Amino acid sequence: MHVISYKRLREFGQKHSDCRDVLDDWFKIALRASWSNLIDVQAVFPQAEAVGNFTVFNIKGNRYRLVVSIDYEAQLIYIKYVLTHAEYDKEQWKNDPYF
Protein backbone atom coordinates (compact mmCIF):
# COMPACT_ATOMS: atom_id res chain seq x y z
CA MET A 1 0.00 0.00 0.00
CA HIS A 2 1.07 3.57 -0.57
CA VAL A 3 0.33 5.75 2.47
CA ILE A 4 -0.47 9.45 2.09
CA SER A 5 0.73 11.22 4.21
CA TYR A 6 3.19 10.23 6.90
CA LYS A 7 3.44 13.91 7.85
CA ARG A 8 0.13 13.73 9.76
CA LEU A 9 1.40 10.79 11.79
CA ARG A 10 4.69 12.53 12.50
CA GLU A 11 3.02 15.77 13.58
CA PHE A 12 0.57 13.97 15.85
CA GLY A 13 3.41 11.91 17.34
CA GLN A 14 5.28 15.11 18.19
CA LYS A 15 2.30 16.33 20.22
CA HIS A 16 1.51 12.92 21.73
CA SER A 17 4.87 11.23 22.17
CA ASP A 18 3.37 8.17 23.88
CA CYS A 19 1.92 6.98 20.57
CA ARG A 20 4.82 7.87 18.25
CA ASP A 21 6.23 4.32 18.12
CA VAL A 22 2.81 2.75 17.65
CA LEU A 23 2.02 5.09 14.74
CA ASP A 24 5.42 4.35 13.18
CA ASP A 25 4.76 0.62 13.50
CA TRP A 26 1.30 1.01 11.92
CA PHE A 27 2.87 2.96 9.04
CA LYS A 28 5.53 0.31 8.41
CA ILE A 29 2.96 -2.49 8.43
CA ALA A 30 0.61 -0.56 6.11
CA LEU A 31 3.43 0.11 3.63
CA ARG A 32 4.16 -3.61 3.32
CA ALA A 33 0.50 -4.60 3.14
CA SER A 34 -1.49 -5.58 0.09
CA TRP A 35 -5.05 -5.40 1.39
CA SER A 36 -8.05 -6.18 -0.79
CA ASN A 37 -10.80 -5.45 1.72
CA LEU A 38 -11.57 -4.76 5.38
CA ILE A 39 -11.27 -8.44 6.25
CA ASP A 40 -7.62 -8.36 5.10
CA VAL A 41 -7.05 -5.29 7.27
CA GLN A 42 -8.68 -6.96 10.27
CA ALA A 43 -6.41 -9.99 9.89
CA VAL A 44 -3.56 -7.67 10.89
CA PHE A 45 -5.50 -5.11 12.96
CA PRO A 46 -8.47 -6.98 14.48
CA GLN A 47 -9.92 -3.83 16.06
CA ALA A 48 -10.10 -1.93 12.74
CA GLU A 49 -13.63 -1.08 11.76
CA ALA A 50 -15.53 0.57 8.93
CA VAL A 51 -17.18 3.84 9.93
CA GLY A 52 -18.94 5.45 6.99
CA ASN A 53 -16.47 5.48 4.09
CA PHE A 54 -13.48 5.39 6.44
CA THR A 55 -11.52 2.73 8.27
CA VAL A 56 -10.80 3.50 11.92
CA PHE A 57 -7.87 2.01 13.82
CA ASN A 58 -7.58 1.99 17.60
CA ILE A 59 -4.13 3.22 18.59
CA LYS A 60 -2.46 2.76 21.95
CA GLY A 61 -5.21 0.74 23.59
CA ASN A 62 -8.00 2.87 22.16
CA ARG A 63 -6.50 6.07 23.56
CA TYR A 64 -6.15 7.45 20.03
CA ARG A 65 -7.95 6.87 16.74
CA LEU A 66 -6.48 6.81 13.26
CA VAL A 67 -9.08 7.52 10.58
CA VAL A 68 -8.10 6.63 7.02
CA SER A 69 -9.63 6.19 3.61
CA ILE A 70 -8.46 3.08 1.79
CA ASP A 71 -8.62 2.68 -1.97
CA TYR A 72 -8.07 -1.06 -2.22
CA GLU A 73 -7.99 -1.12 -6.02
CA ALA A 74 -5.29 1.57 -6.26
CA GLN A 75 -3.56 0.29 -3.10
CA LEU A 76 -3.67 3.75 -1.50
CA ILE A 77 -4.27 4.77 2.10
CA TYR A 78 -5.15 8.39 2.76
CA ILE A 79 -4.61 9.42 6.36
CA LYS A 80 -7.54 11.67 7.12
CA TYR A 81 -7.38 12.19 10.89
CA VAL A 82 -5.34 11.21 13.89
CA LEU A 83 -7.39 12.02 16.98
CA THR A 84 -7.48 11.52 20.70
CA HIS A 85 -10.37 9.37 21.78
CA ALA A 86 -12.10 12.49 23.16
CA GLU A 87 -11.73 14.29 19.82
CA TYR A 88 -13.06 11.22 18.00
CA ASP A 89 -16.09 11.08 20.28
CA LYS A 90 -17.03 14.66 19.40
CA GLU A 91 -17.76 13.32 15.90
CA GLN A 92 -16.90 16.61 14.20
CA TRP A 93 -14.72 14.66 11.78
CA LYS A 94 -17.90 13.00 10.50
CA ASN A 95 -18.74 16.29 8.77
CA ASP A 96 -16.12 15.33 6.19
CA PRO A 97 -17.84 15.33 2.77
CA TYR A 98 -16.41 11.87 2.05
CA PHE A 99 -17.96 10.34 5.18
PDB file of N, CA and C in Angstrom:
ATOM      1  N   MET A   1       0.847  -1.172   0.000  1.00  0.00           N
ATOM      2  CA  MET A   1       0.000   0.000   0.000  1.00  0.00           C
ATOM      3  C   MET A   1       0.900   1.246   0.000  1.00  0.00           C
ATOM      4  N   HIS A   2       0.407   2.268  -0.609  1.00  0.00           N
ATOM      5  CA  HIS A   2       1.070   3.567  -0.565  1.00  0.00           C
ATOM      6  C   HIS A   2       0.287   4.421   0.432  1.00  0.00           C
ATOM      7  N   VAL A   3       0.995   4.992   1.404  1.00  0.00           N
ATOM      8  CA  VAL A   3       0.331   5.750   2.471  1.00  0.00           C
ATOM      9  C   VAL A   3       0.568   7.235   2.273  1.00  0.00           C
ATOM     10  N   ILE A   4      -0.528   7.991   2.247  1.00  0.00           N
ATOM     11  CA  ILE A   4      -0.472   9.446   2.089  1.00  0.00           C
ATOM     12  C   ILE A   4      -1.158  10.044   3.315  1.00  0.00           C
ATOM     13  N   SER A   5      -0.605  10.741   4.147  1.00  0.00           N
ATOM     14  CA  SER A   5       0.733  11.215   4.213  1.00  0.00           C
ATOM     15  C   SER A   5       1.297  10.964   5.604  1.00  0.00           C
ATOM     16  N   TYR A   6       2.519  10.512   5.637  1.00  0.00           N
ATOM     17  CA  TYR A   6       3.195  10.227   6.898  1.00  0.00           C
ATOM     18  C   TYR A   6       3.301  11.487   7.755  1.00  0.00           C
ATOM     19  N   LYS A   7       3.293  12.642   7.130  1.00  0.00           N
ATOM     20  CA  LYS A   7       3.444  13.906   7.850  1.00  0.00           C
ATOM     21  C   LYS A   7       2.404  14.044   8.968  1.00  0.00           C
ATOM     22  N   ARG A   8       1.179  13.633   8.720  1.00  0.00           N
ATOM     23  CA  ARG A   8       0.134  13.729   9.758  1.00  0.00           C
ATOM     24  C   ARG A   8       0.469  12.852  10.953  1.00  0.00           C
ATOM     25  N   LEU A   9       0.998  11.668  10.696  1.00  0.00           N
ATOM     26  CA  LEU A   9       1.399  10.791  11.790  1.00  0.00           C
ATOM     27  C   LEU A   9       2.544  11.403  12.580  1.00  0.00           C
ATOM     28  N   ARG A  10       3.517  11.926  11.861  1.00  0.00           N
ATOM     29  CA  ARG A  10       4.686  12.531  12.503  1.00  0.00           C
ATOM     30  C   ARG A  10       4.283  13.721  13.368  1.00  0.00           C
ATOM     31  N   GLU A  11       3.449  14.589  12.830  1.00  0.00           N
ATOM     32  CA  GLU A  11       3.021  15.772  13.582  1.00  0.00           C
ATOM     33  C   GLU A  11       2.221  15.386  14.820  1.00  0.00           C
ATOM     34  N   PHE A  12       1.348  14.408  14.702  1.00  0.00           N
ATOM     35  CA  PHE A  12       0.568  13.974  15.855  1.00  0.00           C
ATOM     36  C   PHE A  12       1.486  13.342  16.898  1.00  0.00           C
ATOM     37  N   GLY A  13       2.450  12.546  16.435  1.00  0.00           N
ATOM     38  CA  GLY A  13       3.408  11.910  17.335  1.00  0.00           C
ATOM     39  C   GLY A  13       4.269  12.911  18.081  1.00  0.00           C
ATOM     40  N   GLN A  14       4.520  14.070  17.492  1.00  0.00           N
ATOM     41  CA  GLN A  14       5.280  15.109  18.187  1.00  0.00           C
ATOM     42  C   GLN A  14       4.475  15.692  19.334  1.00  0.00           C
ATOM     43  N   LYS A  15       3.166  15.786  19.168  1.00  0.00           N
ATOM     44  CA  LYS A  15       2.299  16.330  20.222  1.00  0.00           C
ATOM     45  C   LYS A  15       1.959  15.282  21.279  1.00  0.00           C
ATOM     46  N   HIS A  16       1.903  14.029  20.854  1.00  0.00           N
ATOM     47  CA  HIS A  16       1.509  12.924  21.730  1.00  0.00           C
ATOM     48  C   HIS A  16       2.596  11.851  21.639  1.00  0.00           C
ATOM     49  N   SER A  17       3.687  12.089  22.322  1.00  0.00           N
ATOM     50  CA  SER A  17       4.867  11.232  22.171  1.00  0.00           C
ATOM     51  C   SER A  17       4.630   9.788  22.610  1.00  0.00           C
ATOM     52  N   ASP A  18       3.614   9.539  23.431  1.00  0.00           N
ATOM     53  CA  ASP A  18       3.365   8.175  23.885  1.00  0.00           C
ATOM     54  C   ASP A  18       2.851   7.254  22.776  1.00  0.00           C
ATOM     55  N   CYS A  19       2.424   7.833  21.656  1.00  0.00           N
ATOM     56  CA  CYS A  19       1.923   6.985  20.566  1.00  0.00           C
ATOM     57  C   CYS A  19       2.822   7.013  19.336  1.00  0.00           C
ATOM     58  N   ARG A  20       3.928   7.724  19.413  1.00  0.00           N
ATOM     59  CA  ARG A  20       4.815   7.866  18.251  1.00  0.00           C
ATOM     60  C   ARG A  20       5.258   6.516  17.704  1.00  0.00           C
ATOM     61  N   ASP A  21       5.735   5.628  18.575  1.00  0.00           N
ATOM     62  CA  ASP A  21       6.232   4.323  18.120  1.00  0.00           C
ATOM     63  C   ASP A  21       5.113   3.468  17.532  1.00  0.00           C
ATOM     64  N   VAL A  22       3.939   3.540  18.137  1.00  0.00           N
ATOM     65  CA  VAL A  22       2.809   2.753  17.647  1.00  0.00           C
ATOM     66  C   VAL A  22       2.396   3.233  16.257  1.00  0.00           C
ATOM     67  N   LEU A  23       2.362   4.546  16.060  1.00  0.00           N
ATOM     68  CA  LEU A  23       2.024   5.087  14.740  1.00  0.00           C
ATOM     69  C   LEU A  23       3.078   4.717  13.705  1.00  0.00           C
ATOM     70  N   ASP A  24       4.354   4.762  14.105  1.00  0.00           N
ATOM     71  CA  ASP A  24       5.423   4.347  13.184  1.00  0.00           C
ATOM     72  C   ASP A  24       5.278   2.883  12.800  1.00  0.00           C
ATOM     73  N   ASP A  25       4.949   2.045  13.786  1.00  0.00           N
ATOM     74  CA  ASP A  25       4.755   0.616  13.501  1.00  0.00           C
ATOM     75  C   ASP A  25       3.580   0.409  12.554  1.00  0.00           C
ATOM     76  N   TRP A  26       2.466   1.125  12.801  1.00  0.00           N
ATOM     77  CA  TRP A  26       1.304   1.014  11.922  1.00  0.00           C
ATOM     78  C   TRP A  26       1.701   1.383  10.492  1.00  0.00           C
ATOM     79  N   PHE A  27       2.446   2.485  10.350  1.00  0.00           N
ATOM     80  CA  PHE A  27       2.874   2.959   9.035  1.00  0.00           C
ATOM     81  C   PHE A  27       3.715   1.909   8.319  1.00  0.00           C
ATOM     82  N   LYS A  28       4.667   1.316   9.019  1.00  0.00           N
ATOM     83  CA  LYS A  28       5.535   0.307   8.409  1.00  0.00           C
ATOM     84  C   LYS A  28       4.741  -0.918   7.967  1.00  0.00           C
ATOM     85  N   ILE A  29       3.792  -1.335   8.780  1.00  0.00           N
ATOM     86  CA  ILE A  29       2.956  -2.487   8.426  1.00  0.00           C
ATOM     87  C   ILE A  29       2.090  -2.154   7.210  1.00  0.00           C
ATOM     88  N   ALA A  30       1.489  -0.969   7.215  1.00  0.00           N
ATOM     89  CA  ALA A  30       0.614  -0.562   6.110  1.00  0.00           C
ATOM     90  C   ALA A  30       1.391  -0.474   4.794  1.00  0.00           C
ATOM     91  N   LEU A  31       2.621   0.014   4.847  1.00  0.00           N
ATOM     92  CA  LEU A  31       3.435   0.114   3.627  1.00  0.00           C
ATOM     93  C   LEU A  31       3.681  -1.250   2.988  1.00  0.00           C
ATOM     94  N   ARG A  32       3.867  -2.259   3.819  1.00  0.00           N
ATOM     95  CA  ARG A  32       4.162  -3.606   3.315  1.00  0.00           C
ATOM     96  C   ARG A  32       2.904  -4.382   2.940  1.00  0.00           C
ATOM     97  N   ALA A  33       1.753  -3.869   3.323  1.00  0.00           N
ATOM     98  CA  ALA A  33       0.497  -4.603   3.139  1.00  0.00           C
ATOM     99  C   ALA A  33       0.024  -4.571   1.684  1.00  0.00           C
ATOM    100  N   SER A  34      -0.807  -5.524   1.380  1.00  0.00           N
ATOM    101  CA  SER A  34      -1.494  -5.576   0.091  1.00  0.00           C
ATOM    102  C   SER A  34      -2.932  -6.003   0.376  1.00  0.00           C
ATOM    103  N   TRP A  35      -3.702  -5.095   0.962  1.00  0.00           N
ATOM    104  CA  TRP A  35      -5.053  -5.399   1.391  1.00  0.00           C
ATOM    105  C   TRP A  35      -6.043  -5.290   0.245  1.00  0.00           C
ATOM    106  N   SER A  36      -7.007  -6.194   0.222  1.00  0.00           N
ATOM    107  CA  SER A  36      -8.055  -6.182  -0.794  1.00  0.00           C
ATOM    108  C   SER A  36      -9.393  -5.721  -0.240  1.00  0.00           C
ATOM    109  N   ASN A  37      -9.534  -5.795   1.087  1.00  0.00           N
ATOM    110  CA  ASN A  37     -10.798  -5.449   1.724  1.00  0.00           C
ATOM    111  C   ASN A  37     -10.590  -5.314   3.232  1.00  0.00           C
ATOM    112  N   LEU A  38     -11.653  -4.961   3.928  1.00  0.00           N
ATOM    113  CA  LEU A  38     -11.567  -4.759   5.376  1.00  0.00           C
ATOM    114  C   LEU A  38     -11.192  -6.043   6.108  1.00  0.00           C
ATOM    115  N   ILE A  39     -11.615  -7.162   5.600  1.00  0.00           N
ATOM    116  CA  ILE A  39     -11.272  -8.440   6.246  1.00  0.00           C
ATOM    117  C   ILE A  39      -9.762  -8.651   6.248  1.00  0.00           C
ATOM    118  N   ASP A  40      -9.091  -8.281   5.150  1.00  0.00           N
ATOM    119  CA  ASP A  40      -7.624  -8.360   5.101  1.00  0.00           C
ATOM    120  C   ASP A  40      -6.999  -7.447   6.144  1.00  0.00           C
ATOM    121  N   VAL A  41      -7.550  -6.249   6.278  1.00  0.00           N
ATOM    122  CA  VAL A  41      -7.046  -5.290   7.274  1.00  0.00           C
ATOM    123  C   VAL A  41      -7.222  -5.867   8.673  1.00  0.00           C
ATOM    124  N   GLN A  42      -8.387  -6.433   8.947  1.00  0.00           N
ATOM    125  CA  GLN A  42      -8.684  -6.960  10.273  1.00  0.00           C
ATOM    126  C   GLN A  42      -7.861  -8.203  10.608  1.00  0.00           C
ATOM    127  N   ALA A  43      -7.310  -8.862   9.620  1.00  0.00           N
ATOM    128  CA  ALA A  43      -6.414  -9.986   9.887  1.00  0.00           C
ATOM    129  C   ALA A  43      -5.144  -9.502  10.572  1.00  0.00           C
ATOM    130  N   VAL A  44      -4.764  -8.265  10.293  1.00  0.00           N
ATOM    131  CA  VAL A  44      -3.564  -7.672  10.885  1.00  0.00           C
ATOM    132  C   VAL A  44      -3.932  -6.781  12.073  1.00  0.00           C
ATOM    133  N   PHE A  45      -5.014  -6.035  11.923  1.00  0.00           N
ATOM    134  CA  PHE A  45      -5.499  -5.111  12.956  1.00  0.00           C
ATOM    135  C   PHE A  45      -6.944  -5.491  13.300  1.00  0.00           C
ATOM    136  N   PRO A  46      -7.129  -6.473  14.193  1.00  0.00           N
ATOM    137  CA  PRO A  46      -8.473  -6.982  14.475  1.00  0.00           C
ATOM    138  C   PRO A  46      -9.473  -5.926  14.948  1.00  0.00           C
ATOM    139  N   GLN A  47      -9.008  -4.859  15.548  1.00  0.00           N
ATOM    140  CA  GLN A  47      -9.916  -3.829  16.057  1.00  0.00           C
ATOM    141  C   GLN A  47     -10.306  -2.799  14.999  1.00  0.00           C
ATOM    142  N   ALA A  48      -9.750  -2.882  13.817  1.00  0.00           N
ATOM    143  CA  ALA A  48     -10.096  -1.932  12.744  1.00  0.00           C
ATOM    144  C   ALA A  48     -11.562  -2.114  12.383  1.00  0.00           C
ATOM    145  N   GLU A  49     -12.215  -0.994  12.105  1.00  0.00           N
ATOM    146  CA  GLU A  49     -13.627  -1.077  11.757  1.00  0.00           C
ATOM    147  C   GLU A  49     -13.980  -0.049  10.700  1.00  0.00           C
ATOM    148  N   ALA A  50     -15.019  -0.357   9.939  1.00  0.00           N
ATOM    149  CA  ALA A  50     -15.526   0.569   8.934  1.00  0.00           C
ATOM    150  C   ALA A  50     -16.497   1.515   9.624  1.00  0.00           C
ATOM    151  N   VAL A  51     -16.283   2.812   9.413  1.00  0.00           N
ATOM    152  CA  VAL A  51     -17.178   3.842   9.925  1.00  0.00           C
ATOM    153  C   VAL A  51     -17.452   4.776   8.752  1.00  0.00           C
ATOM    154  N   GLY A  52     -18.645   4.701   8.210  1.00  0.00           N
ATOM    155  CA  GLY A  52     -18.935   5.448   6.993  1.00  0.00           C
ATOM    156  C   GLY A  52     -18.037   4.939   5.877  1.00  0.00           C
ATOM    157  N   ASN A  53     -17.401   5.850   5.175  1.00  0.00           N
ATOM    158  CA  ASN A  53     -16.474   5.482   4.095  1.00  0.00           C
ATOM    159  C   ASN A  53     -15.037   5.363   4.576  1.00  0.00           C
ATOM    160  N   PHE A  54     -14.826   5.417   5.877  1.00  0.00           N
ATOM    161  CA  PHE A  54     -13.482   5.385   6.442  1.00  0.00           C
ATOM    162  C   PHE A  54     -13.226   4.075   7.171  1.00  0.00           C
ATOM    163  N   THR A  55     -11.953   3.810   7.402  1.00  0.00           N
ATOM    164  CA  THR A  55     -11.525   2.725   8.272  1.00  0.00           C
ATOM    165  C   THR A  55     -10.893   3.367   9.486  1.00  0.00           C
ATOM    166  N   VAL A  56     -11.285   2.911  10.671  1.00  0.00           N
ATOM    167  CA  VAL A  56     -10.803   3.499  11.917  1.00  0.00           C
ATOM    168  C   VAL A  56      -9.979   2.456  12.659  1.00  0.00           C
ATOM    169  N   PHE A  57      -8.779   2.868  13.066  1.00  0.00           N
ATOM    170  CA  PHE A  57      -7.873   2.014  13.824  1.00  0.00           C
ATOM    171  C   PHE A  57      -7.767   2.544  15.248  1.00  0.00           C
ATOM    172  N   ASN A  58      -7.840   1.630  16.213  1.00  0.00           N
ATOM    173  CA  ASN A  58      -7.577   1.991  17.600  1.00  0.00           C
ATOM    174  C   ASN A  58      -6.069   2.005  17.799  1.00  0.00           C
ATOM    175  N   ILE A  59      -5.574   3.075  18.374  1.00  0.00           N
ATOM    176  CA  ILE A  59      -4.135   3.225  18.592  1.00  0.00           C
ATOM    177  C   ILE A  59      -3.879   3.363  20.087  1.00  0.00           C
ATOM    178  N   LYS A  60      -2.887   2.660  20.549  1.00  0.00           N
ATOM    179  CA  LYS A  60      -2.456   2.760  21.953  1.00  0.00           C
ATOM    180  C   LYS A  60      -3.606   2.393  22.896  1.00  0.00           C
ATOM    181  N   GLY A  61      -4.154   1.208  22.706  1.00  0.00           N
ATOM    182  CA  GLY A  61      -5.206   0.737  23.594  1.00  0.00           C
ATOM    183  C   GLY A  61      -6.458   1.592  23.554  1.00  0.00           C
ATOM    184  N   ASN A  62      -6.801   2.070  22.382  1.00  0.00           N
ATOM    185  CA  ASN A  62      -8.004   2.873  22.156  1.00  0.00           C
ATOM    186  C   ASN A  62      -7.894   4.292  22.721  1.00  0.00           C
ATOM    187  N   ARG A  63      -6.697   4.701  23.062  1.00  0.00           N
ATOM    188  CA  ARG A  63      -6.499   6.073  23.555  1.00  0.00           C
ATOM    189  C   ARG A  63      -6.563   7.074  22.397  1.00  0.00           C
ATOM    190  N   TYR A  64      -6.164   6.615  21.226  1.00  0.00           N
ATOM    191  CA  TYR A  64      -6.155   7.449  20.029  1.00  0.00           C
ATOM    192  C   TYR A  64      -6.874   6.705  18.911  1.00  0.00           C
ATOM    193  N   ARG A  65      -7.295   7.462  17.904  1.00  0.00           N
ATOM    194  CA  ARG A  65      -7.952   6.874  16.742  1.00  0.00           C
ATOM    195  C   ARG A  65      -7.293   7.392  15.474  1.00  0.00           C
ATOM    196  N   LEU A  66      -7.032   6.482  14.571  1.00  0.00           N
ATOM    197  CA  LEU A  66      -6.481   6.805  13.265  1.00  0.00           C
ATOM    198  C   LEU A  66      -7.585   6.551  12.244  1.00  0.00           C
ATOM    199  N   VAL A  67      -7.991   7.605  11.549  1.00  0.00           N
ATOM    200  CA  VAL A  67      -9.083   7.519  10.577  1.00  0.00           C
ATOM    201  C   VAL A  67      -8.477   7.653   9.184  1.00  0.00           C
ATOM    202  N   VAL A  68      -8.682   6.634   8.363  1.00  0.00           N
ATOM    203  CA  VAL A  68      -8.098   6.627   7.022  1.00  0.00           C
ATOM    204  C   VAL A  68      -9.153   6.275   5.985  1.00  0.00           C
ATOM    205  N   SER A  69      -8.843   6.618   4.762  1.00  0.00           N
ATOM    206  CA  SER A  69      -9.629   6.190   3.612  1.00  0.00           C
ATOM    207  C   SER A  69      -8.739   5.245   2.816  1.00  0.00           C
ATOM    208  N   ILE A  70      -9.258   4.078   2.512  1.00  0.00           N
ATOM    209  CA  ILE A  70      -8.459   3.084   1.788  1.00  0.00           C
ATOM    210  C   ILE A  70      -9.069   2.839   0.415  1.00  0.00           C
ATOM    211  N   ASP A  71      -8.246   3.027  -0.604  1.00  0.00           N
ATOM    212  CA  ASP A  71      -8.622   2.676  -1.975  1.00  0.00           C
ATOM    213  C   ASP A  71      -7.934   1.350  -2.275  1.00  0.00           C
ATOM    214  N   TYR A  72      -8.663   0.265  -2.083  1.00  0.00           N
ATOM    215  CA  TYR A  72      -8.067  -1.063  -2.224  1.00  0.00           C
ATOM    216  C   TYR A  72      -7.602  -1.331  -3.647  1.00  0.00           C
ATOM    217  N   GLU A  73      -8.356  -0.868  -4.623  1.00  0.00           N
ATOM    218  CA  GLU A  73      -7.990  -1.121  -6.021  1.00  0.00           C
ATOM    219  C   GLU A  73      -6.678  -0.433  -6.381  1.00  0.00           C
ATOM    220  N   ALA A  74      -6.517   0.812  -5.959  1.00  0.00           N
ATOM    221  CA  ALA A  74      -5.295   1.569  -6.263  1.00  0.00           C
ATOM    222  C   ALA A  74      -4.190   1.319  -5.240  1.00  0.00           C
ATOM    223  N   GLN A  75      -4.511   0.568  -4.170  1.00  0.00           N
ATOM    224  CA  GLN A  75      -3.558   0.286  -3.099  1.00  0.00           C
ATOM    225  C   GLN A  75      -3.051   1.577  -2.441  1.00  0.00           C
ATOM    226  N   LEU A  76      -3.989   2.465  -2.123  1.00  0.00           N
ATOM    227  CA  LEU A  76      -3.673   3.752  -1.497  1.00  0.00           C
ATOM    228  C   LEU A  76      -4.393   3.893  -0.169  1.00  0.00           C
ATOM    229  N   ILE A  77      -3.680   4.412   0.812  1.00  0.00           N
ATOM    230  CA  ILE A  77      -4.268   4.765   2.095  1.00  0.00           C
ATOM    231  C   ILE A  77      -4.086   6.261   2.275  1.00  0.00           C
ATOM    232  N   TYR A  78      -5.187   6.962   2.500  1.00  0.00           N
ATOM    233  CA  TYR A  78      -5.149   8.391   2.760  1.00  0.00           C
ATOM    234  C   TYR A  78      -5.410   8.600   4.240  1.00  0.00           C
ATOM    235  N   ILE A  79      -4.420   9.119   4.942  1.00  0.00           N
ATOM    236  CA  ILE A  79      -4.613   9.415   6.356  1.00  0.00           C
ATOM    237  C   ILE A  79      -5.439  10.680   6.461  1.00  0.00           C
ATOM    238  N   LYS A  80      -6.624  10.536   7.009  1.00  0.00           N
ATOM    239  CA  LYS A  80      -7.539  11.669   7.120  1.00  0.00           C
ATOM    240  C   LYS A  80      -7.384  12.374   8.467  1.00  0.00           C
ATOM    241  N   TYR A  81      -7.423  11.609   9.546  1.00  0.00           N
ATOM    242  CA  TYR A  81      -7.378  12.194  10.888  1.00  0.00           C
ATOM    243  C   TYR A  81      -6.628  11.285  11.843  1.00  0.00           C
ATOM    244  N   VAL A  82      -5.892  11.899  12.741  1.00  0.00           N
ATOM    245  CA  VAL A  82      -5.342  11.212  13.894  1.00  0.00           C
ATOM    246  C   VAL A  82      -5.877  11.997  15.085  1.00  0.00           C
ATOM    247  N   LEU A  83      -6.642  11.331  15.931  1.00  0.00           N
ATOM    248  CA  LEU A  83      -7.389  12.024  16.975  1.00  0.00           C
ATOM    249  C   LEU A  83      -7.212  11.350  18.327  1.00  0.00           C
ATOM    250  N   THR A  84      -7.344  12.135  19.382  1.00  0.00           N
ATOM    251  CA  THR A  84      -7.477  11.520  20.695  1.00  0.00           C
ATOM    252  C   THR A  84      -8.856  10.878  20.739  1.00  0.00           C
ATOM    253  N   HIS A  85      -9.064  10.006  21.684  1.00  0.00           N
ATOM    254  CA  HIS A  85     -10.374   9.369  21.785  1.00  0.00           C
ATOM    255  C   HIS A  85     -11.455  10.418  22.054  1.00  0.00           C
ATOM    256  N   ALA A  86     -11.137  11.415  22.866  1.00  0.00           N
ATOM    257  CA  ALA A  86     -12.102  12.486  23.165  1.00  0.00           C
ATOM    258  C   ALA A  86     -12.462  13.269  21.903  1.00  0.00           C
ATOM    259  N   GLU A  87     -11.469  13.571  21.068  1.00  0.00           N
ATOM    260  CA  GLU A  87     -11.732  14.287  19.816  1.00  0.00           C
ATOM    261  C   GLU A  87     -12.592  13.430  18.887  1.00  0.00           C
ATOM    262  N   TYR A  88     -12.294  12.151  18.841  1.00  0.00           N
ATOM    263  CA  TYR A  88     -13.062  11.224  18.000  1.00  0.00           C
ATOM    264  C   TYR A  88     -14.520  11.193  18.449  1.00  0.00           C
ATOM    265  N   ASP A  89     -14.731  11.150  19.753  1.00  0.00           N
ATOM    266  CA  ASP A  89     -16.094  11.076  20.281  1.00  0.00           C
ATOM    267  C   ASP A  89     -16.925  12.319  19.976  1.00  0.00           C
ATOM    268  N   LYS A  90     -16.290  13.447  19.737  1.00  0.00           N
ATOM    269  CA  LYS A  90     -17.029  14.661  19.402  1.00  0.00           C
ATOM    270  C   LYS A  90     -17.691  14.554  18.031  1.00  0.00           C
ATOM    271  N   GLU A  91     -17.200  13.641  17.215  1.00  0.00           N
ATOM    272  CA  GLU A  91     -17.757  13.317  15.903  1.00  0.00           C
ATOM    273  C   GLU A  91     -17.749  14.469  14.904  1.00  0.00           C
ATOM    274  N   GLN A  92     -16.990  15.512  15.163  1.00  0.00           N
ATOM    275  CA  GLN A  92     -16.902  16.613  14.203  1.00  0.00           C
ATOM    276  C   GLN A  92     -16.260  16.151  12.901  1.00  0.00           C
ATOM    277  N   TRP A  93     -15.380  15.174  12.983  1.00  0.00           N
ATOM    278  CA  TRP A  93     -14.724  14.657  11.783  1.00  0.00           C
ATOM    279  C   TRP A  93     -15.727  14.010  10.835  1.00  0.00           C
ATOM    280  N   LYS A  94     -16.891  13.625  11.351  1.00  0.00           N
ATOM    281  CA  LYS A  94     -17.898  12.997  10.501  1.00  0.00           C
ATOM    282  C   LYS A  94     -18.570  14.001   9.555  1.00  0.00           C
ATOM    283  N   ASN A  95     -18.245  15.279   9.704  1.00  0.00           N
ATOM    284  CA  ASN A  95     -18.742  16.290   8.773  1.00  0.00           C
ATOM    285  C   ASN A  95     -17.950  16.276   7.461  1.00  0.00           C
ATOM    286  N   ASP A  96     -16.918  15.456   7.401  1.00  0.00           N
ATOM    287  CA  ASP A  96     -16.115  15.331   6.188  1.00  0.00           C
ATOM    288  C   ASP A  96     -17.037  14.950   5.028  1.00  0.00           C
ATOM    289  N   PRO A  97     -16.938  15.628   3.893  1.00  0.00           N
ATOM    290  CA  PRO A  97     -17.838  15.334   2.768  1.00  0.00           C
ATOM    291  C   PRO A  97     -17.701  13.911   2.233  1.00  0.00           C
ATOM    292  N   TYR A  98     -16.606  13.236   2.529  1.00  0.00           N
ATOM    293  CA  TYR A  98     -16.405  11.865   2.047  1.00  0.00           C
ATOM    294  C   TYR A  98     -16.929  10.825   3.023  1.00  0.00           C
ATOM    295  N   PHE A  99     -17.451  11.271   4.177  1.00  0.00           N
ATOM    296  CA  PHE A  99     -17.959  10.339   5.179  1.00  0.00           C
ATOM    297  C   PHE A  99     -19.159   9.629   4.617  1.00  0.00           C
TER     298      PHE A  99
END
